[in-house]
C-alpha atoms as a PDB file:
ATOM      1  CA  UNK A   1      62.247 172.303  82.294  1.00  0.00           C
ATOM      2  CA  UNK A   2      63.389 175.614  80.889  1.00  0.00           C
ATOM      3  CA  UNK A   3      61.675 178.805  82.000  1.00  0.00           C
ATOM      4  CA  UNK A   4      61.962 181.703  79.568  1.00  0.00           C
ATOM      5  CA  UNK A   5      60.651 184.334  82.000  1.00  0.00           C
ATOM      6  CA  UNK A   6      61.623 183.469  85.600  1.00  0.00           C
ATOM      7  CA  UNK A   7      60.151 186.642  87.111  1.00  0.00           C
ATOM      8  CA  UNK A   8      56.885 186.137  85.238  1.00  0.00           C
ATOM      9  CA  UNK A   9      56.798 182.572  86.550  1.00  0.00           C
ATOM     10  CA  UNK A  10      57.190 183.798  90.141  1.00  0.00           C
ATOM     11  CA  UNK A  11      54.432 186.402  89.723  1.00  0.00           C
ATOM     12  CA  UNK A  12      52.104 183.757  88.245  1.00  0.00           C
ATOM     13  CA  UNK A  13      52.818 181.430  91.181  1.00  0.00           C
ATOM     14  CA  UNK A  14      51.966 184.216  93.654  1.00  0.00           C
ATOM     15  CA  UNK A  15      48.785 185.114  91.738  1.00  0.00           C
ATOM     16  CA  UNK A  16      47.638 181.469  91.520  1.00  0.00           C
ATOM     17  CA  UNK A  17      48.381 180.737  95.191  1.00  0.00           C
ATOM     18  CA  UNK A  18      46.411 183.772  96.331  1.00  0.00           C
ATOM     19  CA  UNK A  19      43.426 182.796  94.177  1.00  0.00           C
ATOM     20  CA  UNK A  20      43.425 179.479  96.093  1.00  0.00           C
ATOM     21  CA  UNK A  21      44.001 181.247  99.483  1.00  0.00           C
ATOM     22  CA  UNK A  22      47.252 179.392 100.147  1.00  0.00           C
ATOM     23  CA  UNK A  23      49.428 180.513 103.037  1.00  0.00           C
ATOM     24  CA  UNK A  24      52.780 179.887 101.362  1.00  0.00           C
ATOM     25  CA  UNK A  25      54.163 179.368  97.879  1.00  0.00           C
ATOM     26  CA  UNK A  26      57.616 178.274  96.717  1.00  0.00           C
ATOM     27  CA  UNK A  27      59.636 179.430  93.731  1.00  0.00           C
ATOM     28  CA  UNK A  28      63.191 178.714  92.565  1.00  0.00           C
ATOM     29  CA  UNK A  29      65.741 181.190  93.923  1.00  0.00           C
ATOM     30  CA  UNK A  30      67.575 183.842  91.919  1.00  0.00           C
ATOM     31  CA  UNK A  31      69.034 187.261  92.667  1.00  0.00           C
ATOM     32  CA  UNK A  32      66.402 189.162  90.659  1.00  0.00           C
ATOM     33  CA  UNK A  33      63.558 187.290  92.348  1.00  0.00           C
ATOM     34  CA  UNK A  34      65.116 188.036  95.740  1.00  0.00           C
ATOM     35  CA  UNK A  35      65.303 191.774  94.997  1.00  0.00           C
ATOM     36  CA  UNK A  36      61.676 191.841  93.822  1.00  0.00           C
ATOM     37  CA  UNK A  37      60.598 189.947  96.961  1.00  0.00           C
ATOM     38  CA  UNK A  38      62.501 192.512  99.061  1.00  0.00           C
ATOM     39  CA  UNK A  39      60.426 195.295  97.482  1.00  0.00           C
ATOM     40  CA  UNK A  40      57.176 193.337  97.945  1.00  0.00           C
ATOM     41  CA  UNK A  41      57.958 192.800 101.640  1.00  0.00           C
ATOM     42  CA  UNK A  42      59.064 196.414 102.108  1.00  0.00           C
ATOM     43  CA  UNK A  43      55.821 197.702 100.547  1.00  0.00           C
ATOM     44  CA  UNK A  44      53.702 195.312 102.667  1.00  0.00           C
ATOM     45  CA  UNK A  45      52.324 193.044  99.942  1.00  0.00           C
ATOM     46  CA  UNK A  46      53.764 189.828 101.441  1.00  0.00           C
ATOM     47  CA  UNK A  47      54.531 188.818 105.027  1.00  0.00           C
ATOM     48  CA  UNK A  48      58.053 187.761 104.141  1.00  0.00           C
ATOM     49  CA  UNK A  49      60.114 185.070 102.512  1.00  0.00           C
ATOM     50  CA  UNK A  50      62.809 182.592 103.447  1.00  0.00           C
ATOM     51  CA  UNK A  51      65.520 180.916 101.370  1.00  0.00           C
ATOM     52  CA  UNK A  52      65.544 177.115 101.559  1.00  0.00           C
ATOM     53  CA  UNK A  53      68.780 175.411 100.429  1.00  0.00           C
ATOM     54  CA  UNK A  54      68.693 171.728  99.452  1.00  0.00           C
ATOM     55  CA  UNK A  55      71.564 169.230  99.501  1.00  0.00           C
ATOM     56  CA  UNK A  56      71.429 168.912  95.698  1.00  0.00           C
ATOM     57  CA  UNK A  57      72.663 172.502  95.402  1.00  0.00           C
ATOM     58  CA  UNK A  58      69.279 173.930  94.406  1.00  0.00           C
ATOM     59  CA  UNK A  59      67.579 176.580  96.479  1.00  0.00           C
ATOM     60  CA  UNK A  60      64.051 177.954  96.663  1.00  0.00           C
ATOM     61  CA  UNK A  61      62.217 180.877  98.215  1.00  0.00           C
ATOM     62  CA  UNK A  62      59.277 180.104 100.470  1.00  0.00           C
ATOM     63  CA  UNK A  63      56.996 183.149 100.248  1.00  0.00           C
ATOM     64  CA  UNK A  64      54.453 183.836 103.010  1.00  0.00           C
ATOM     65  CA  UNK A  65      51.388 185.440 101.456  1.00  0.00           C
ATOM     66  CA  UNK A  66      49.419 188.174 103.203  1.00  0.00           C
ATOM     67  CA  UNK A  67      45.643 188.423 103.621  1.00  0.00           C
ATOM     68  CA  UNK A  68      43.432 191.142 105.147  1.00  0.00           C
ATOM     69  CA  UNK A  69      39.881 190.297 106.278  1.00  0.00           C
ATOM     70  CA  UNK A  70      40.132 187.013 104.399  1.00  0.00           C
ATOM     71  CA  UNK A  71      40.986 188.673 101.076  1.00  0.00           C
ATOM     72  CA  UNK A  72      44.431 188.737  99.404  1.00  0.00           C
ATOM     73  CA  UNK A  73      46.384 191.974  99.848  1.00  0.00           C
ATOM     74  CA  UNK A  74      47.561 191.753  96.220  1.00  0.00           C
ATOM     75  CA  UNK A  75      44.500 192.450  94.066  1.00  0.00           C
ATOM     76  CA  UNK A  76      46.353 192.527  90.739  1.00  0.00           C
ATOM     77  CA  UNK A  77      49.922 191.667  89.784  1.00  0.00           C
ATOM     78  CA  UNK A  78      51.075 192.076  86.176  1.00  0.00           C
ATOM     79  CA  UNK A  79      54.365 191.637  84.339  1.00  0.00           C
ATOM     80  CA  UNK A  80      55.079 194.765  82.251  1.00  0.00           C
ATOM     81  CA  UNK A  81      58.514 194.251  80.701  1.00  0.00           C
ATOM     82  CA  UNK A  82      58.825 190.794  79.146  1.00  0.00           C
ATOM     83  CA  UNK A  83      61.826 189.131  77.479  1.00  0.00           C
ATOM     84  CA  UNK A  84      60.227 189.838  74.079  1.00  0.00           C
ATOM     85  CA  UNK A  85      59.227 193.426  74.801  1.00  0.00           C
ATOM     86  CA  UNK A  86      61.290 195.487  77.213  1.00  0.00           C
ATOM     87  CA  UNK A  87      59.640 198.584  78.681  1.00  0.00           C
ATOM     88  CA  UNK A  88      61.847 201.409  79.965  1.00  0.00           C
ATOM     89  CA  UNK A  89      60.856 204.687  81.574  1.00  0.00           C
ATOM     90  CA  UNK A  90      62.632 207.857  82.576  1.00  0.00           C
ATOM     91  CA  UNK A  91      62.026 209.262  86.040  1.00  0.00           C
ATOM     92  CA  UNK A  92      59.603 211.918  84.769  1.00  0.00           C
ATOM     93  CA  UNK A  93      57.543 209.321  82.847  1.00  0.00           C
ATOM     94  CA  UNK A  94      57.190 206.730  85.636  1.00  0.00           C
ATOM     95  CA  UNK A  95      53.651 205.293  85.747  1.00  0.00           C
ATOM     96  CA  UNK A  96      51.158 205.955  88.514  1.00  0.00           C
ATOM     97  CA  UNK A  97      49.714 202.507  89.284  1.00  0.00           C
ATOM     98  CA  UNK A  98      46.034 202.646  90.326  1.00  0.00           C
ATOM     99  CA  UNK A  99      46.207 206.416  90.904  1.00  0.00           C
ATOM    100  CA  UNK A 100      49.060 206.036  93.370  1.00  0.00           C
ATOM    101  CA  UNK A 101      47.564 203.152  95.370  1.00  0.00           C
ATOM    102  CA  UNK A 102      49.681 200.515  93.623  1.00  0.00           C
ATOM    103  CA  UNK A 103      53.399 200.047  93.106  1.00  0.00           C
ATOM    104  CA  UNK A 104      55.530 199.668  90.003  1.00  0.00           C
ATOM    105  CA  UNK A 105      58.763 197.716  90.557  1.00  0.00           C
ATOM    106  CA  UNK A 106      61.722 198.938  88.509  1.00  0.00           C
ATOM    107  CA  UNK A 107      65.172 197.626  87.742  1.00  0.00           C
ATOM    108  CA  UNK A 108      67.461 200.664  87.829  1.00  0.00           C
ATOM    109  CA  UNK A 109      71.211 201.251  87.793  1.00  0.00           C
ATOM    110  CA  UNK A 110      70.912 201.681  91.579  1.00  0.00           C
ATOM    111  CA  UNK A 111      69.145 198.338  92.034  1.00  0.00           C
ATOM    112  CA  UNK A 112      65.582 197.023  92.066  1.00  0.00           C
ATOM    113  CA  UNK A 113      63.211 199.458  93.751  1.00  0.00           C
ATOM    114  CA  UNK A 114      59.644 200.748  93.875  1.00  0.00           C
ATOM    115  CA  UNK A 115      58.491 203.658  91.731  1.00  0.00           C
ATOM    116  CA  UNK A 116      58.229 206.043  94.698  1.00  0.00           C
ATOM    117  CA  UNK A 117      61.822 205.322  95.764  1.00  0.00           C
ATOM    118  CA  UNK A 118      62.990 205.730  92.146  1.00  0.00           C
ATOM    119  CA  UNK A 119      61.365 209.184  92.095  1.00  0.00           C
ATOM    120  CA  UNK A 120      63.148 210.220  95.304  1.00  0.00           C
ATOM    121  CA  UNK A 121      66.486 208.921  93.970  1.00  0.00           C
ATOM    122  CA  UNK A 122      65.771 210.567  90.579  1.00  0.00           C
ATOM    123  CA  UNK A 123      66.466 207.455  88.514  1.00  0.00           C
ATOM    124  CA  UNK A 124      64.535 205.619  85.790  1.00  0.00           C
ATOM    125  CA  UNK A 125      64.845 202.096  84.451  1.00  0.00           C
ATOM    126  CA  UNK A 126      63.077 198.995  83.247  1.00  0.00           C
ATOM    127  CA  UNK A 127      59.532 198.551  84.599  1.00  0.00           C
ATOM    128  CA  UNK A 128      59.411 194.930  85.751  1.00  0.00           C
ATOM    129  CA  UNK A 129      55.854 194.688  87.087  1.00  0.00           C
ATOM    130  CA  UNK A 130      52.837 196.548  88.477  1.00  0.00           C
ATOM    131  CA  UNK A 131      51.162 195.542  91.732  1.00  0.00           C
ATOM    132  CA  UNK A 132      47.877 196.719  93.174  1.00  0.00           C
END
């Protein structure tokens, strides 16, 4: 099966698993997904993740989802820049997600990072997704 938007697929898997109150969810491994998961873990939206390598050469990420008082920590997770419509932003035009309570994840020349870190490093880039 061919996936046109691997990052969008991962975000949909996380969203669907949290709607069903699952503890873990798996997704195929890639470098971009790993960088986005690093930001999610750093910002406290997931407990963590682990890479699982299979003998067939394939590998997956097992993502541990996070809940607070029985409710998912991630209220809303949206893909902004899609393969058909790329969305770029300069550092001065970076979005404020949920009045500063959420996080925008960007792909910059200095790597994948959150919007607050991009502001401190004074770099813009492609807005991958918004999380609240």
